[in-house]
C-alpha atoms as a PDB file:
ATOM      1  CA  MET A   1     -13.163  -4.429  16.550  1.00  0.00           C
ATOM      2  CA  ASN A   2     -11.786  -1.952  19.004  1.00  0.00           C
ATOM      3  CA  THR A   3      -8.148  -2.334  19.910  1.00  0.00           C
ATOM      4  CA  PRO A   4      -7.134  -3.561  23.331  1.00  0.00           C
ATOM      5  CA  PRO A   5      -7.087  -0.898  26.208  1.00  0.00           C
ATOM      6  CA  ARG A   6      -4.467   1.673  25.892  1.00  0.00           C
ATOM      7  CA  LEU A   7      -3.870   5.351  26.518  1.00  0.00           C
ATOM      8  CA  VAL A   8      -6.141   7.225  24.153  1.00  0.00           C
ATOM      9  CA  PHE A   9      -6.150  10.942  23.819  1.00  0.00           C
ATOM     10  CA  ASN A  10      -9.517  12.632  23.186  1.00  0.00           C
ATOM     11  CA  LEU A  11      -9.441  14.330  19.905  1.00  0.00           C
ATOM     12  CA  ALA A  12     -10.658  17.661  21.435  1.00  0.00           C
ATOM     13  CA  ALA A  13      -7.764  17.428  23.883  1.00  0.00           C
ATOM     14  CA  LEU A  14      -5.375  16.930  21.046  1.00  0.00           C
ATOM     15  CA  LEU A  15      -6.603  19.960  19.217  1.00  0.00           C
ATOM     16  CA  LEU A  16      -5.647  22.129  22.158  1.00  0.00           C
ATOM     17  CA  LEU A  17      -2.027  21.165  21.621  1.00  0.00           C
ATOM     18  CA  VAL A  18      -2.132  22.520  18.166  1.00  0.00           C
ATOM     19  CA  ALA A  19      -0.630  26.000  17.737  1.00  0.00           C
ATOM     20  CA  ALA A  20      -3.069  28.960  18.089  1.00  0.00           C
ATOM     21  CA  PRO A  21      -4.848  29.544  14.838  1.00  0.00           C
ATOM     22  CA  ALA A  22      -3.524  32.046  12.414  1.00  0.00           C
ATOM     23  CA  PRO A  23      -5.671  34.786  10.924  1.00  0.00           C
ATOM     24  CA  ALA A  24      -8.609  33.362   8.989  1.00  0.00           C
ATOM     25  CA  GLU A  25      -7.461  31.707   5.741  1.00  0.00           C
ATOM     26  CA  PRO A  26      -9.330  29.525   3.214  1.00  0.00           C
ATOM     27  CA  PRO A  27      -9.611  26.003   4.381  1.00  0.00           C
ATOM     28  CA  LEU A  28      -7.099  23.481   2.867  1.00  0.00           C
ATOM     29  CA  THR A  29      -8.164  21.711  -0.280  1.00  0.00           C
ATOM     30  CA  HIS A  30      -8.152  17.916  -0.227  1.00  0.00           C
ATOM     31  CA  GLU A  31      -4.929  18.033  -2.311  1.00  0.00           C
ATOM     32  CA  GLN A  32      -3.302  20.624  -0.144  1.00  0.00           C
ATOM     33  CA  ALA A  33      -4.116  18.638   3.000  1.00  0.00           C
ATOM     34  CA  LEU A  34      -2.479  15.541   1.575  1.00  0.00           C
ATOM     35  CA  GLN A  35       0.621  17.430   0.517  1.00  0.00           C
ATOM     36  CA  ASN A  36       0.928  19.045   3.929  1.00  0.00           C
ATOM     37  CA  LEU A  37       1.136  15.675   5.588  1.00  0.00           C
ATOM     38  CA  HIS A  38       4.821  15.632   4.386  1.00  0.00           C
ATOM     39  CA  ARG A  39       5.816  19.221   5.427  1.00  0.00           C
ATOM     40  CA  PRO A  40       8.794  19.774   7.806  1.00  0.00           C
ATOM     41  CA  HIS A  41       6.821  21.691  10.446  1.00  0.00           C
ATOM     42  CA  ALA A  42       4.750  19.533  12.878  1.00  0.00           C
ATOM     43  CA  GLU A  43       2.075  22.188  13.201  1.00  0.00           C
ATOM     44  CA  VAL A  44       1.464  22.065   9.485  1.00  0.00           C
ATOM     45  CA  ARG A  45       1.214  18.335   9.475  1.00  0.00           C
ATOM     46  CA  ARG A  46      -1.203  18.398  12.322  1.00  0.00           C
ATOM     47  CA  SER A  47      -3.395  20.971  10.745  1.00  0.00           C
ATOM     48  CA  ALA A  48      -3.431  18.769   7.568  1.00  0.00           C
ATOM     49  CA  VAL A  49      -4.582  15.778   9.491  1.00  0.00           C
ATOM     50  CA  ILE A  50      -7.334  17.708  11.181  1.00  0.00           C
ATOM     51  CA  ARG A  51      -8.477  18.955   7.937  1.00  0.00           C
ATOM     52  CA  LEU A  52      -8.588  15.325   6.570  1.00  0.00           C
ATOM     53  CA  GLY A  53     -10.687  14.581   9.567  1.00  0.00           C
ATOM     54  CA  GLU A  54     -13.335  16.842   7.702  1.00  0.00           C
ATOM     55  CA  ILE A  55     -12.874  15.806   4.195  1.00  0.00           C
ATOM     56  CA  ALA A  56     -11.017  12.546   3.717  1.00  0.00           C
ATOM     57  CA  VAL A  57     -12.457   9.450   2.041  1.00  0.00           C
ATOM     58  CA  MET A  58     -11.580   5.859   2.379  1.00  0.00           C
ATOM     59  CA  GLY A  59      -9.060   6.122  -0.501  1.00  0.00           C
ATOM     60  CA  ASP A  60      -6.968   8.388   1.817  1.00  0.00           C
ATOM     61  CA  THR A  61      -6.392   5.553   4.353  1.00  0.00           C
ATOM     62  CA  PRO A  62      -2.918   4.870   3.039  1.00  0.00           C
ATOM     63  CA  ALA A  63      -1.675   8.366   3.342  1.00  0.00           C
ATOM     64  CA  LEU A  64      -3.161   8.640   7.004  1.00  0.00           C
ATOM     65  CA  LEU A  65      -1.593   5.323   7.867  1.00  0.00           C
ATOM     66  CA  LYS A  66       1.849   6.861   7.065  1.00  0.00           C
ATOM     67  CA  SER A  67       1.088   9.666   9.586  1.00  0.00           C
ATOM     68  CA  LEU A  68       0.856   6.918  12.230  1.00  0.00           C
ATOM     69  CA  ARG A  69       4.675   6.822  11.980  1.00  0.00           C
ATOM     70  CA  ASP A  70       5.083  10.684  12.131  1.00  0.00           C
ATOM     71  CA  GLU A  71       7.842  11.801  14.384  1.00  0.00           C
ATOM     72  CA  ASP A  72       5.406  14.089  16.211  1.00  0.00           C
ATOM     73  CA  TRP A  73       3.319  12.167  18.627  1.00  0.00           C
ATOM     74  CA  VAL A  74       0.356  14.527  18.385  1.00  0.00           C
ATOM     75  CA  THR A  75       0.294  14.066  14.685  1.00  0.00           C
ATOM     76  CA  ARG A  76       0.331  10.296  15.249  1.00  0.00           C
ATOM     77  CA  GLU A  77      -2.644  10.467  17.807  1.00  0.00           C
ATOM     78  CA  LEU A  78      -4.493  12.845  15.458  1.00  0.00           C
ATOM     79  CA  ALA A  79      -4.089  10.477  12.573  1.00  0.00           C
ATOM     80  CA  GLU A  80      -5.445   7.466  14.472  1.00  0.00           C
ATOM     81  CA  ASN A  81      -8.529   9.399  15.464  1.00  0.00           C
ATOM     82  CA  VAL A  82      -9.148  10.638  11.926  1.00  0.00           C
ATOM     83  CA  LEU A  83      -8.836   7.142  10.591  1.00  0.00           C
ATOM     84  CA  TRP A  84     -11.640   6.052  12.903  1.00  0.00           C
ATOM     85  CA  GLN A  85     -13.630   9.143  11.762  1.00  0.00           C
ATOM     86  CA  VAL A  86     -13.135   8.340   8.039  1.00  0.00           C
ATOM     87  CA  TRP A  87     -13.948   4.731   8.537  1.00  0.00           C
ATOM     88  CA  SER A  88     -17.054   5.538  10.519  1.00  0.00           C
ATOM     89  CA  ARG A  89     -18.546   7.556   7.572  1.00  0.00           C
ATOM     90  CA  SER A  90     -20.653   5.564   5.241  1.00  0.00           C
ATOM     91  CA  GLY A  91     -21.608   8.435   2.823  1.00  0.00           C
ATOM     92  CA  ASP A  92     -25.340   7.829   3.495  1.00  0.00           C
ATOM     93  CA  GLU A  93     -27.111  10.082   5.996  1.00  0.00           C
ATOM     94  CA  GLN A  94     -29.622   7.306   7.057  1.00  0.00           C
ATOM     95  CA  ILE A  95     -26.807   4.809   7.659  1.00  0.00           C
ATOM     96  CA  ASP A  96     -24.670   7.427   9.617  1.00  0.00           C
ATOM     97  CA  ALA A  97     -27.719   8.158  11.827  1.00  0.00           C
ATOM     98  CA  LEU A  98     -28.202   4.508  12.573  1.00  0.00           C
ATOM     99  CA  PHE A  99     -24.597   4.198  13.250  1.00  0.00           C
ATOM    100  CA  GLN A 100     -24.618   6.770  15.862  1.00  0.00           C
ATOM    101  CA  GLN A 101     -27.697   5.222  17.264  1.00  0.00           C
ATOM    102  CA  GLY A 102     -25.855   1.868  17.421  1.00  0.00           C
ATOM    103  CA  LEU A 103     -22.835   3.421  19.138  1.00  0.00           C
ATOM    104  CA  SER A 104     -25.080   5.078  21.758  1.00  0.00           C
ATOM    105  CA  GLN A 105     -26.727   1.602  22.300  1.00  0.00           C
ATOM    106  CA  MET A 106     -23.336  -0.087  22.734  1.00  0.00           C
ATOM    107  CA  HIS A 107     -22.437   2.173  25.498  1.00  0.00           C
ATOM    108  CA  GLU A 108     -25.813   2.784  27.299  1.00  0.00           C
ATOM    109  CA  GLY A 109     -28.342   0.138  26.356  1.00  0.00           C
ATOM    110  CA  PRO A 110     -28.714  -3.625  26.134  1.00  0.00           C
ATOM    111  CA  ALA A 111     -26.299  -5.326  23.683  1.00  0.00           C
ATOM    112  CA  HIS A 112     -29.181  -6.891  21.811  1.00  0.00           C
ATOM    113  CA  GLU A 113     -30.521  -3.528  20.767  1.00  0.00           C
ATOM    114  CA  ALA A 114     -27.060  -2.501  19.446  1.00  0.00           C
ATOM    115  CA  LEU A 115     -26.780  -5.817  17.658  1.00  0.00           C
ATOM    116  CA  ALA A 116     -30.056  -5.283  15.948  1.00  0.00           C
ATOM    117  CA  THR A 117     -29.008  -1.809  14.852  1.00  0.00           C
ATOM    118  CA  PHE A 118     -25.707  -2.894  13.382  1.00  0.00           C
ATOM    119  CA  SER A 119     -27.408  -5.835  11.697  1.00  0.00           C
ATOM    120  CA  LYS A 120     -29.777  -3.390  10.056  1.00  0.00           C
ATOM    121  CA  ILE A 121     -26.823  -1.280   8.816  1.00  0.00           C
ATOM    122  CA  ILE A 122     -25.299  -4.415   7.340  1.00  0.00           C
ATOM    123  CA  GLU A 123     -28.480  -5.258   5.684  1.00  0.00           C
ATOM    124  CA  LEU A 124     -28.924  -1.876   4.140  1.00  0.00           C
ATOM    125  CA  LYS A 125     -25.359  -1.072   3.264  1.00  0.00           C
ATOM    126  CA  PRO A 126     -23.230  -4.361   3.331  1.00  0.00           C
ATOM    127  CA  ASP A 127     -20.183  -2.608   1.892  1.00  0.00           C
ATOM    128  CA  PHE A 128     -19.830  -0.391   4.983  1.00  0.00           C
ATOM    129  CA  ALA A 129     -16.971  -2.237   6.755  1.00  0.00           C
ATOM    130  CA  GLU A 130     -17.501  -0.360  10.013  1.00  0.00           C
ATOM    131  CA  GLY A 131     -20.974  -1.758  10.516  1.00  0.00           C
ATOM    132  CA  TRP A 132     -19.425  -5.289  10.359  1.00  0.00           C
ATOM    133  CA  ASN A 133     -16.712  -4.146  12.770  1.00  0.00           C
ATOM    134  CA  LYS A 134     -19.089  -2.896  15.439  1.00  0.00           C
ATOM    135  CA  ARG A 135     -21.144  -6.042  15.258  1.00  0.00           C
ATOM    136  CA  ALA A 136     -17.977  -8.166  15.478  1.00  0.00           C
ATOM    137  CA  THR A 137     -17.133  -6.131  18.694  1.00  0.00           C
ATOM    138  CA  LEU A 138     -20.594  -6.864  20.078  1.00  0.00           C
ATOM    139  CA  TYR A 139     -20.297 -10.537  19.265  1.00  0.00           C
ATOM    140  CA  PHE A 140     -17.039 -10.617  21.048  1.00  0.00           C
ATOM    141  CA  ILE A 141     -18.408  -8.963  24.130  1.00  0.00           C
ATOM    142  CA  MET A 142     -21.240 -11.529  24.134  1.00  0.00           C
ATOM    143  CA  GLY A 143     -18.802 -14.471  23.872  1.00  0.00           C
ATOM    144  CA  GLU A 144     -20.013 -15.357  20.412  1.00  0.00           C
ATOM    145  CA  TYR A 145     -16.390 -15.816  19.149  1.00  0.00           C
ATOM    146  CA  GLU A 146     -17.152 -17.667  15.929  1.00  0.00           C
ATOM    147  CA  LYS A 147     -19.698 -15.079  14.742  1.00  0.00           C
ATOM    148  CA  SER A 148     -17.200 -12.438  15.767  1.00  0.00           C
ATOM    149  CA  LEU A 149     -14.559 -14.055  13.623  1.00  0.00           C
ATOM    150  CA  SER A 150     -16.909 -14.177  10.673  1.00  0.00           C
ATOM    151  CA  ASP A 151     -17.756 -10.554  10.900  1.00  0.00           C
ATOM    152  CA  CYS A 152     -14.024  -9.611  11.212  1.00  0.00           C
ATOM    153  CA  ASP A 153     -13.586 -11.491   7.915  1.00  0.00           C
ATOM    154  CA  GLU A 154     -16.220  -9.289   6.363  1.00  0.00           C
ATOM    155  CA  VAL A 155     -14.371  -6.187   7.656  1.00  0.00           C
ATOM    156  CA  MET A 156     -11.139  -7.204   6.115  1.00  0.00           C
ATOM    157  CA  LYS A 157     -12.713  -7.913   2.832  1.00  0.00           C
ATOM    158  CA  ARG A 158     -13.813  -4.267   2.645  1.00  0.00           C
ATOM    159  CA  ASN A 159     -10.936  -2.584   4.522  1.00  0.00           C
ATOM    160  CA  HIS A 160      -7.633  -4.392   4.217  1.00  0.00           C
ATOM    161  CA  TYR A 161      -5.945  -1.701   6.553  1.00  0.00           C
ATOM    162  CA  HIS A 162      -8.262  -2.221   9.547  1.00  0.00           C
ATOM    163  CA  PHE A 163      -5.838  -2.606  12.266  1.00  0.00           C
ATOM    164  CA  GLY A 164      -8.760  -2.716  14.781  1.00  0.00           C
ATOM    165  CA  ALA A 165     -10.200  -5.822  13.176  1.00  0.00           C
ATOM    166  CA  LEU A 166      -6.703  -7.528  13.138  1.00  0.00           C
ATOM    167  CA  ALA A 167      -6.299  -6.796  16.795  1.00  0.00           C
ATOM    168  CA  GLY A 168      -9.768  -8.150  17.237  1.00  0.00           C
ATOM    169  CA  TYR A 169      -8.709 -11.483  15.649  1.00  0.00           C
ATOM    170  CA  GLY A 170      -5.868 -11.409  18.117  1.00  0.00           C
ATOM    171  CA  GLN A 171      -8.206 -11.011  21.001  1.00  0.00           C
ATOM    172  CA  ILE A 172     -10.516 -13.790  19.868  1.00  0.00           C
ATOM    173  CA  TYR A 173      -7.721 -16.340  19.282  1.00  0.00           C
ATOM    174  CA  SER A 174      -6.379 -15.481  22.755  1.00  0.00           C
ATOM    175  CA  ARG A 175      -9.774 -16.288  24.212  1.00  0.00           C
ATOM    176  CA  LEU A 176      -9.873 -19.500  22.212  1.00  0.00           C
ATOM    177  CA  ASP A 177      -6.432 -20.488  23.507  1.00  0.00           C
ATOM    178  CA  ARG A 178      -4.700 -20.255  20.178  1.00  0.00           C
ATOM    179  CA  PRO A 179      -1.733 -17.999  21.162  1.00  0.00           C
ATOM    180  CA  GLU A 180       0.439 -18.618  18.014  1.00  0.00           C
ATOM    181  CA  LEU A 181      -2.480 -17.510  15.769  1.00  0.00           C
ATOM    182  CA  ALA A 182      -3.316 -14.606  18.108  1.00  0.00           C
ATOM    183  CA  LEU A 183       0.369 -13.406  17.838  1.00  0.00           C
ATOM    184  CA  GLU A 184       0.127 -13.538  14.140  1.00  0.00           C
ATOM    185  CA  TYR A 185      -2.775 -11.106  14.035  1.00  0.00           C
ATOM    186  CA  PHE A 186      -1.514  -8.848  16.759  1.00  0.00           C
ATOM    187  CA  HIS A 187       1.720  -8.536  14.769  1.00  0.00           C
ATOM    188  CA  ARG A 188      -0.197  -7.619  11.535  1.00  0.00           C
ATOM    189  CA  ALA A 189      -2.160  -5.068  13.542  1.00  0.00           C
ATOM    190  CA  LEU A 190       1.046  -3.541  14.828  1.00  0.00           C
ATOM    191  CA  ASP A 191       2.696  -3.524  11.360  1.00  0.00           C
ATOM    192  CA  LEU A 192      -0.252  -1.199  10.339  1.00  0.00           C
ATOM    193  CA  ASN A 193      -0.387   0.873  13.448  1.00  0.00           C
ATOM    194  CA  PRO A 194       2.772   0.800  15.571  1.00  0.00           C
ATOM    195  CA  ASN A 195       1.123   2.961  18.304  1.00  0.00           C
ATOM    196  CA  LEU A 196      -1.080   0.141  19.556  1.00  0.00           C
ATOM    197  CA  HIS A 197       0.529   0.006  22.951  1.00  0.00           C
ATOM    198  CA  GLY A 198      -2.115  -2.518  24.252  1.00  0.00           C
ATOM    199  CA  VAL A 199      -1.281  -4.828  21.414  1.00  0.00           C
ATOM    200  CA  GLU A 200       2.435  -4.563  22.285  1.00  0.00           C
ATOM    201  CA  LEU A 201       1.600  -5.560  25.739  1.00  0.00           C
ATOM    202  CA  ALA A 202      -0.570  -8.543  24.526  1.00  0.00           C
ATOM    203  CA  ILE A 203       2.309  -9.649  22.324  1.00  0.00           C
ATOM    204  CA  LYS A 204       4.745  -9.666  25.273  1.00  0.00           C
ATOM    205  CA  ARG A 205       2.311 -11.583  27.397  1.00  0.00           C
ATOM    206  CA  LEU A 206       1.597 -14.216  24.798  1.00  0.00           C
ATOM    207  CA  GLU A 207       5.303 -14.654  24.050  1.00  0.00           C
ATOM    208  CA  GLN A 208       5.943 -15.179  27.672  1.00  0.00           C
ATOM    209  CA  GLU A 209       3.139 -17.720  27.864  1.00  0.00           C
ATOM    210  CA  ILE A 210       4.264 -19.626  24.834  1.00  0.00           C
ATOM    211  CA  SER A 211       7.847 -19.740  26.139  1.00  0.00           C
ATOM    212  CA  GLU A 212       6.762 -21.109  29.525  1.00  0.00           C
ATOM    213  CA  LYS A 213       4.540 -23.659  27.927  1.00  0.00           C
ATOM    214  CA  ARG A 214       7.538 -24.920  25.815  1.00  0.00           C
ATOM    215  CA  LYS A 215       9.741 -25.133  28.792  1.00  0.00           C
ATOM    216  CA  ARG A 216       7.179 -27.248  30.524  1.00  0.00           C
ATOM    217  CA  THR A 217       7.180 -29.769  27.698  1.00  0.00           C
ATOM    218  CA  ILE A 218      10.816 -30.140  27.514  1.00  0.00           C
END
């Protein structure tokens, strides 16, 4: 699922913050891009993350997760955007086209149309975690919380690092009035991505609610 609302920088806007391009050079190889994630200069790390947005595969997720803790905030924002890019690539042109169709339907059309599209994606490529994640989001929007939880389970089976799905569990359990369980999942999401400011706010709100509830029972 998507994370709770927070300040999200458009990737195109972030690119404007990267230093002006140097004279044309051969693009970084996959290995070079991964190595440059650890260079001392922020501009080099930013460029490496951007390059990985073009060529990274699911196996690069742990390396990009480390960049979510980079001291440079632009690198952190870029890394989060790139992780979503990587997770949204199935490796199959037909599935990727359906995925884009489903995204458009989520934002513009009736929910049942998007639901049918993502269900089709799941049928055709069940190992594609993001198909399950987007359907989980739709079920959450529709108030079908048990179905959303079930799809989140499928996401985590395929992508153990999916902080969006973990935050999704937290949102669902908040709606189901299970604050302790919601807190557990929100903390797990934040452990993977410390930049989830919406999750931080949700944690503070739930901790306050739990504290007040305990005071009333004393």
